């Protein structure tokens, strides 16, 4: 599959990825910096290897997918 992350507010492509996890890592960084509301400005386009275009993810759906694929770190297990 192919994934394209866009800031749809300004019409700028933020990245092209072959792995969903890589695209969602960038989403996590962006919402960590700008807040969850920024997810409404993002659009994750998805295209299968058979060139079927899937509905883009944005807003709450994008946040839910990000949290499903990349769970938040557990601060109790990340202490050093």
Foldseek 3Di string as FASTA:
>chain_A
DKKWKAQQVVGDTPDIDPDPLVVLVVVVVVCVVVNLVSQQRMWIWDADPVRDTDHIDGRPRSVVVSCVVPPDDDVVVPDD
